[in-house]
Amino acid sequence: MRALYLLDAAFFHVFAKSNVVFCDDHVESPTLKFLFADTSDAALSRWNRDHLPHREKLSP
């Protein structure tokens, strides 16, 4: 039973998505990993008006 729980948790972690509504009236469904854990330039630039990653704003 423990293995099934771990499999469900891994499935949720990898494939879970969330709806995000932007102020320009478009909606996206990125994965939770992309929203909260991804520090790639593509992920970081999504949250800035100038579409730059601004890595200097990340906490150490």
N, C-alpha and C. Protein backbone atom coordinates (compact mmCIF):
# COMPACT_ATOMS: atom_id res chain seq x y z
N MET A 1 0.82 -1.19 0.00
CA MET A 1 0.00 0.00 0.00
C MET A 1 0.87 1.26 0.00
N ARG A 2 2.00 1.21 0.68
CA ARG A 2 2.91 2.36 0.73
C ARG A 2 3.43 2.69 -0.66
N ALA A 3 3.74 1.67 -1.46
CA ALA A 3 4.24 1.91 -2.81
C ALA A 3 3.19 2.60 -3.67
N LEU A 4 1.93 2.24 -3.49
CA LEU A 4 0.85 2.88 -4.24
C LEU A 4 0.75 4.36 -3.86
N TYR A 5 0.88 4.67 -2.58
CA TYR A 5 0.84 6.06 -2.13
C TYR A 5 2.00 6.85 -2.73
N LEU A 6 3.19 6.28 -2.74
CA LEU A 6 4.35 6.97 -3.32
C LEU A 6 4.17 7.18 -4.82
N LEU A 7 3.58 6.20 -5.49
CA LEU A 7 3.32 6.34 -6.92
C LEU A 7 2.31 7.46 -7.17
N ASP A 8 1.25 7.52 -6.36
CA ASP A 8 0.26 8.60 -6.50
C ASP A 8 0.89 9.95 -6.23
N ALA A 9 1.74 10.04 -5.23
CA ALA A 9 2.40 11.31 -4.91
C ALA A 9 3.32 11.74 -6.04
N ALA A 10 4.04 10.80 -6.62
CA ALA A 10 4.94 11.12 -7.73
C ALA A 10 4.14 11.55 -8.95
N PHE A 11 3.03 10.88 -9.22
CA PHE A 11 2.18 11.25 -10.35
C PHE A 11 1.64 12.66 -10.17
N PHE A 12 1.17 12.98 -8.97
CA PHE A 12 0.64 14.32 -8.69
C PHE A 12 1.73 15.37 -8.83
N HIS A 13 2.92 15.08 -8.34
CA HIS A 13 4.02 16.05 -8.39
C HIS A 13 4.44 16.36 -9.82
N VAL A 14 4.43 15.36 -10.67
CA VAL A 14 4.92 15.54 -12.04
C VAL A 14 3.83 16.08 -12.97
N PHE A 15 2.60 15.60 -12.82
CA PHE A 15 1.55 15.91 -13.79
C PHE A 15 0.50 16.90 -13.30
N ALA A 16 0.56 17.33 -12.07
CA ALA A 16 -0.44 18.26 -11.55
C ALA A 16 -0.31 19.61 -12.25
N LYS A 17 -1.44 20.17 -12.56
CA LYS A 17 -1.44 21.47 -13.24
C LYS A 17 -2.37 22.42 -12.50
N SER A 18 -2.19 23.68 -12.77
CA SER A 18 -3.02 24.71 -12.17
C SER A 18 -3.41 25.71 -13.25
N ASN A 19 -4.61 26.25 -13.14
CA ASN A 19 -5.01 27.30 -14.08
C ASN A 19 -4.51 28.63 -13.56
N VAL A 20 -3.90 29.40 -14.44
CA VAL A 20 -3.38 30.72 -14.10
C VAL A 20 -4.01 31.72 -15.05
N VAL A 21 -4.64 32.75 -14.50
CA VAL A 21 -5.26 33.79 -15.30
C VAL A 21 -4.37 35.03 -15.24
N PHE A 22 -4.02 35.56 -16.41
CA PHE A 22 -3.17 36.73 -16.50
C PHE A 22 -4.01 37.98 -16.73
N CYS A 23 -3.46 39.13 -16.41
CA CYS A 23 -4.22 40.38 -16.51
C CYS A 23 -4.55 40.78 -17.94
N ASP A 24 -3.93 40.15 -18.92
CA ASP A 24 -4.29 40.45 -20.31
C ASP A 24 -5.36 39.48 -20.82
N ASP A 25 -6.04 38.82 -19.90
CA ASP A 25 -7.19 37.93 -20.17
C ASP A 25 -6.84 36.63 -20.87
N HIS A 26 -5.63 36.13 -20.72
CA HIS A 26 -5.36 34.79 -21.23
C HIS A 26 -5.14 33.86 -20.05
N VAL A 27 -5.37 32.57 -20.29
CA VAL A 27 -5.29 31.55 -19.26
C VAL A 27 -4.30 30.50 -19.72
N GLU A 28 -3.48 30.02 -18.78
CA GLU A 28 -2.55 28.93 -19.06
C GLU A 28 -2.72 27.85 -17.99
N SER A 29 -2.26 26.65 -18.31
CA SER A 29 -2.30 25.55 -17.36
C SER A 29 -0.91 24.95 -17.19
N PRO A 30 -0.01 25.68 -16.56
CA PRO A 30 1.35 25.14 -16.36
C PRO A 30 1.36 24.10 -15.23
N THR A 31 2.40 23.29 -15.24
CA THR A 31 2.54 22.32 -14.15
C THR A 31 2.93 23.05 -12.87
N LEU A 32 2.65 22.43 -11.75
CA LEU A 32 3.02 23.03 -10.47
C LEU A 32 4.53 23.16 -10.34
N LYS A 33 5.25 22.22 -10.94
CA LYS A 33 6.71 22.31 -10.92
C LYS A 33 7.18 23.57 -11.65
N PHE A 34 6.57 23.86 -12.81
CA PHE A 34 6.93 25.06 -13.56
C PHE A 34 6.60 26.32 -12.76
N LEU A 35 5.48 26.30 -12.04
CA LEU A 35 5.07 27.48 -11.27
C LEU A 35 5.94 27.75 -10.06
N PHE A 36 6.31 26.70 -9.33
CA PHE A 36 6.92 26.91 -8.02
C PHE A 36 8.36 26.45 -7.88
N ALA A 37 8.86 25.59 -8.76
CA ALA A 37 10.19 25.04 -8.55
C ALA A 37 11.15 25.29 -9.70
N ASP A 38 10.64 25.62 -10.86
CA ASP A 38 11.49 25.80 -12.03
C ASP A 38 12.18 27.16 -11.99
N THR A 39 13.50 27.17 -12.10
CA THR A 39 14.25 28.42 -12.10
C THR A 39 14.95 28.65 -13.45
N SER A 40 14.40 28.04 -14.49
CA SER A 40 14.95 28.29 -15.82
C SER A 40 14.60 29.70 -16.26
N ASP A 41 15.30 30.20 -17.25
CA ASP A 41 15.02 31.54 -17.74
C ASP A 41 13.59 31.66 -18.27
N ALA A 42 13.10 30.61 -18.91
CA ALA A 42 11.73 30.64 -19.44
C ALA A 42 10.71 30.78 -18.32
N ALA A 43 10.91 30.05 -17.23
CA ALA A 43 9.96 30.12 -16.11
C ALA A 43 10.05 31.45 -15.39
N LEU A 44 11.25 31.94 -15.17
CA LEU A 44 11.41 33.20 -14.44
C LEU A 44 10.89 34.39 -15.24
N SER A 45 11.07 34.36 -16.53
CA SER A 45 10.66 35.51 -17.34
C SER A 45 9.15 35.62 -17.48
N ARG A 46 8.41 34.58 -17.17
CA ARG A 46 6.95 34.62 -17.25
C ARG A 46 6.35 35.63 -16.27
N TRP A 47 7.05 35.91 -15.19
CA TRP A 47 6.48 36.72 -14.11
C TRP A 47 6.92 38.17 -14.14
N ASN A 48 7.65 38.57 -15.16
CA ASN A 48 8.15 39.94 -15.22
C ASN A 48 7.61 40.66 -16.45
N ARG A 49 7.27 41.89 -16.26
CA ARG A 49 6.68 42.71 -17.32
C ARG A 49 7.61 42.88 -18.51
N ASP A 50 8.91 42.92 -18.26
CA ASP A 50 9.87 43.10 -19.36
C ASP A 50 10.35 41.77 -19.96
N HIS A 51 9.80 40.65 -19.50
CA HIS A 51 10.11 39.31 -20.01
C HIS A 51 11.59 38.95 -19.86
N LEU A 52 12.22 39.45 -18.82
CA LEU A 52 13.59 39.08 -18.48
C LEU A 52 13.55 38.25 -17.20
N PRO A 53 14.49 37.33 -17.02
CA PRO A 53 14.43 36.43 -15.86
C PRO A 53 14.74 37.08 -14.51
N HIS A 54 15.55 38.12 -14.47
CA HIS A 54 15.93 38.82 -13.23
C HIS A 54 16.40 37.85 -12.14
N ARG A 55 17.42 37.09 -12.44
CA ARG A 55 17.97 36.14 -11.47
C ARG A 55 18.49 36.81 -10.20
N GLU A 56 18.84 38.09 -10.28
CA GLU A 56 19.36 38.79 -9.10
C GLU A 56 18.29 38.94 -8.00
N LYS A 57 17.02 38.73 -8.35
CA LYS A 57 15.93 38.83 -7.37
C LYS A 57 15.68 37.53 -6.62
N LEU A 58 16.31 36.42 -7.08
CA LEU A 58 16.12 35.13 -6.41
C LEU A 58 16.81 35.14 -5.06
N SER A 59 16.18 34.50 -4.09
CA SER A 59 16.83 34.39 -2.77
C SER A 59 17.92 33.32 -2.86
N PRO A 60 19.00 33.49 -2.09
CA PRO A 60 20.13 32.56 -2.17
C PRO A 60 19.82 31.18 -1.64
